[in-house]
């Protein structure tokens, strides 16, 4: 299927808010926002648990299978467990003496959201997965800026590893990720979920938005 056909199919899908009309609470948006650095695609949703702006369960299934070889609930749970325990930061620790949790946390939340969209876990299970990683992230960072810095560091270590292995499908240049993070951190960007859910909001009582 060509890119134009995929675009047309996606555009014909119902919007996500038709199935999930209730806005996220402050805590929920903060947790979803952990994956904002990964969500660069034009069809990505950064303010719902569902990862796309339009309902597209098949894309979630295909992405998990193609990018992570995840096709079952068990494989999804195993991957989330691995990312929460060590992930890519173990390699960074060996190379740089720093373990950038943010890179693994962003991937963890992104995979959990797509696992929910793919029907491999329930909505309640997806929220539980996101809640499980919050204590580690909060103890490691004190701002979205610190989280962003470590995300970019982890991504660079990962990208360097792919280049060293001569991976035939290189990821986007580091400059693309840098620009995306700058936009997320820009205080004038009203669409940034990091401005909608400030870092310290997770440490305050939850509230409706």
Protein backbone atom coordinates (compact mmCIF):
# COMPACT_ATOMS: atom_id res chain seq x y z
CA UNK A 1 0.00 0.00 0.00
CA UNK A 2 1.44 3.38 -1.03
CA UNK A 3 1.87 6.37 1.26
CA UNK A 4 -1.01 8.21 -0.42
CA UNK A 5 -3.34 5.24 0.14
CA UNK A 6 -2.29 5.01 3.79
CA UNK A 7 -2.88 8.75 4.22
CA UNK A 8 -6.35 8.51 2.67
CA UNK A 9 -7.25 5.51 4.84
CA UNK A 10 -6.09 7.29 7.98
CA UNK A 11 -7.99 10.47 7.10
CA UNK A 12 -11.18 8.44 6.71
CA UNK A 13 -10.89 6.98 10.21
CA UNK A 14 -12.95 8.49 13.06
CA UNK A 15 -11.16 10.94 15.32
CA UNK A 16 -9.87 9.50 18.58
CA UNK A 17 -12.03 11.80 20.71
CA UNK A 18 -15.16 10.16 19.29
CA UNK A 19 -14.24 6.99 21.20
CA UNK A 20 -12.43 8.69 24.10
CA UNK A 21 -14.20 12.04 24.63
CA UNK A 22 -13.19 12.63 28.26
CA UNK A 23 -10.11 14.88 28.59
CA UNK A 24 -7.21 13.46 30.55
CA UNK A 25 -6.62 14.65 34.09
CA UNK A 26 -3.46 16.57 34.91
CA UNK A 27 -1.69 13.41 36.13
CA UNK A 28 -2.81 11.37 33.13
CA UNK A 29 -1.59 13.99 30.67
CA UNK A 30 1.75 14.19 32.48
CA UNK A 31 2.21 10.43 32.19
CA UNK A 32 1.27 10.38 28.51
CA UNK A 33 3.63 13.31 27.96
CA UNK A 34 6.60 11.14 28.89
CA UNK A 35 6.36 9.76 25.35
CA UNK A 36 6.13 13.20 23.71
CA UNK A 37 9.78 13.10 22.51
CA UNK A 38 8.99 9.95 20.51
CA UNK A 39 5.72 11.29 19.07
CA UNK A 40 6.94 13.26 16.06
CA UNK A 41 4.58 11.92 13.38
CA UNK A 42 1.86 14.19 12.02
CA UNK A 43 -0.84 11.74 13.13
CA UNK A 44 0.46 11.34 16.69
CA UNK A 45 -1.74 12.38 19.60
CA UNK A 46 0.09 13.83 22.58
CA UNK A 47 -2.96 14.53 24.77
CA UNK A 48 -4.76 11.16 24.81
CA UNK A 49 -3.80 7.69 25.96
CA UNK A 50 -4.57 6.47 22.45
CA UNK A 51 -1.42 7.27 20.43
CA UNK A 52 -3.03 8.61 17.24
CA UNK A 53 -5.34 11.52 16.46
CA UNK A 54 -7.55 9.11 14.50
CA UNK A 55 -8.51 5.56 15.39
CA UNK A 56 -6.09 3.20 13.68
CA UNK A 57 -5.62 0.01 15.66
CA UNK A 58 -4.02 -1.74 12.67
CA UNK A 59 -1.19 0.81 12.55
CA UNK A 60 -0.47 0.21 16.23
CA UNK A 61 -0.30 -3.54 15.65
CA UNK A 62 1.89 -3.15 12.57
CA UNK A 63 4.27 -0.74 14.27
CA UNK A 64 4.74 -3.01 17.30
CA UNK A 65 5.40 -5.99 15.05
CA UNK A 66 7.76 -4.18 12.67
CA UNK A 67 9.72 -2.09 15.17
CA UNK A 68 9.74 -4.31 18.25
CA UNK A 69 8.67 -7.79 17.08
CA UNK A 70 5.75 -7.58 19.51
CA UNK A 71 2.70 -9.53 18.38
CA UNK A 72 1.31 -10.84 21.68
CA UNK A 73 0.43 -9.64 25.14
CA UNK A 74 3.29 -11.67 26.62
CA UNK A 75 5.87 -10.09 24.31
CA UNK A 76 4.54 -6.63 25.14
CA UNK A 77 4.72 -7.23 28.88
CA UNK A 78 8.24 -8.65 28.60
CA UNK A 79 9.44 -5.64 26.62
CA UNK A 80 7.93 -3.18 29.09
CA UNK A 81 9.55 -5.06 31.95
CA UNK A 82 12.93 -4.97 30.23
CA UNK A 83 12.70 -1.23 29.55
CA UNK A 84 11.69 -0.51 33.14
CA UNK A 85 14.57 -2.57 34.59
CA UNK A 86 17.53 -1.75 32.34
CA UNK A 87 16.69 -0.92 28.74
CA UNK A 88 19.15 1.00 26.60
CA UNK A 89 20.48 2.99 29.54
CA UNK A 90 22.62 0.01 30.55
CA UNK A 91 24.72 0.53 27.39
CA UNK A 92 24.96 4.26 28.05
CA UNK A 93 26.13 3.57 31.58
CA UNK A 94 28.95 1.39 30.25
CA UNK A 95 29.97 3.92 27.60
CA UNK A 96 29.44 7.23 29.36
CA UNK A 97 28.99 6.49 33.04
CA UNK A 98 25.47 7.98 32.83
CA UNK A 99 22.20 6.04 32.65
CA UNK A 100 19.62 8.18 30.78
CA UNK A 101 16.33 6.81 32.10
CA UNK A 102 14.36 9.33 30.01
CA UNK A 103 15.10 7.54 26.74
CA UNK A 104 13.80 4.23 28.09
CA UNK A 105 10.85 5.89 29.83
CA UNK A 106 9.74 7.57 26.60
CA UNK A 107 9.93 4.26 24.73
CA UNK A 108 8.15 2.47 27.59
CA UNK A 109 5.18 4.86 27.55
CA UNK A 110 5.04 4.88 23.75
CA UNK A 111 4.96 1.08 23.59
CA UNK A 112 2.35 0.84 26.35
CA UNK A 113 0.10 3.31 24.51
CA UNK A 114 0.45 1.42 21.24
CA UNK A 115 -0.13 -1.87 23.05
CA UNK A 116 -3.40 -0.43 24.32
CA UNK A 117 -4.37 0.73 20.80
CA UNK A 118 -3.48 -2.70 19.43
CA UNK A 119 -5.72 -4.41 21.96
CA UNK A 120 -2.88 -6.28 23.68
CA UNK A 121 -3.66 -4.64 27.04
CA UNK A 122 -6.74 -2.91 28.38
CA UNK A 123 -7.06 0.79 29.07
CA UNK A 124 -6.82 0.13 32.83
CA UNK A 125 -3.70 -1.99 32.33
CA UNK A 126 -2.11 0.74 30.20
CA UNK A 127 -2.68 3.32 32.93
CA UNK A 128 -1.24 0.94 35.51
CA UNK A 129 1.85 0.47 33.34
CA UNK A 130 2.32 4.23 33.07
CA UNK A 131 1.84 4.72 36.80
CA UNK A 132 4.47 2.09 37.53
CA UNK A 133 7.26 4.11 35.92
CA UNK A 134 6.36 7.47 37.47
CA UNK A 135 8.30 7.05 40.76
CA UNK A 136 11.55 6.28 38.94
CA UNK A 137 11.17 9.23 36.58
CA UNK A 138 10.23 11.69 39.32
CA UNK A 139 13.19 10.63 41.44
CA UNK A 140 15.58 10.98 38.48
CA UNK A 141 14.52 14.40 37.15
CA UNK A 142 13.21 17.72 38.39
CA UNK A 143 12.11 19.31 35.11
CA UNK A 144 11.10 18.59 31.53
CA UNK A 145 14.41 20.19 30.52
CA UNK A 146 16.38 17.58 32.47
CA UNK A 147 14.18 14.83 31.06
CA UNK A 148 14.70 16.15 27.51
CA UNK A 149 18.49 16.35 27.94
CA UNK A 150 18.71 12.73 29.02
CA UNK A 151 16.31 11.61 26.31
CA UNK A 152 18.57 13.13 23.66
CA UNK A 153 21.63 11.57 25.27
CA UNK A 154 20.02 8.14 25.28
CA UNK A 155 18.89 8.56 21.69
CA UNK A 156 22.41 9.48 20.59
CA UNK A 157 23.88 6.37 22.23
CA UNK A 158 21.18 4.25 20.57
CA UNK A 159 21.73 5.89 17.17
CA UNK A 160 25.51 5.50 17.41
CA UNK A 161 24.97 1.82 18.14
CA UNK A 162 22.87 1.40 14.99
CA UNK A 163 25.47 3.17 12.89
CA UNK A 164 28.24 1.00 14.31
CA UNK A 165 26.20 -2.07 13.41
CA UNK A 166 25.55 -0.61 9.94
CA UNK A 167 21.81 -0.89 10.33
CA UNK A 168 20.20 -0.72 6.84
CA UNK A 169 17.36 1.50 8.12
CA UNK A 170 18.99 4.48 9.85
CA UNK A 171 16.77 6.57 12.13
CA UNK A 172 16.06 10.26 11.68
CA UNK A 173 19.11 12.52 12.13
CA UNK A 174 19.82 13.72 15.65
CA UNK A 175 19.06 17.27 14.49
CA UNK A 176 15.43 16.27 13.88
CA UNK A 177 15.06 15.01 17.44
CA UNK A 178 16.82 18.12 18.76
CA UNK A 179 14.36 20.40 16.95
CA UNK A 180 11.37 18.43 18.20
CA UNK A 181 12.56 18.70 21.80
CA UNK A 182 13.14 22.43 21.43
CA UNK A 183 9.54 22.82 20.27
CA UNK A 184 8.26 20.81 23.23
CA UNK A 185 10.26 22.98 25.64
CA UNK A 186 9.34 26.29 24.00
CA UNK A 187 7.22 28.20 26.57
CA UNK A 188 5.40 29.94 23.71
CA UNK A 189 4.24 26.63 22.23
CA UNK A 190 0.67 26.32 23.47
CA UNK A 191 0.28 22.92 21.82
CA UNK A 192 3.17 21.39 23.75
CA UNK A 193 1.91 18.84 26.28
CA UNK A 194 4.83 19.84 28.51
CA UNK A 195 3.33 23.30 28.80
CA UNK A 196 -0.14 21.86 29.36
CA UNK A 197 1.21 19.53 32.07
CA UNK A 198 4.10 21.27 33.88
CA UNK A 199 6.66 18.99 35.52
CA UNK A 200 5.52 19.63 39.08
CA UNK A 201 1.87 18.87 38.29
CA UNK A 202 2.49 15.16 38.92
CA UNK A 203 3.50 16.01 42.50
CA UNK A 204 0.34 17.99 43.21
CA UNK A 205 -3.18 16.61 43.75
CA UNK A 206 -4.73 15.39 40.52
CA UNK A 207 -7.41 17.51 38.89
CA UNK A 208 -9.60 17.73 35.84
CA UNK A 209 -8.28 19.88 33.00
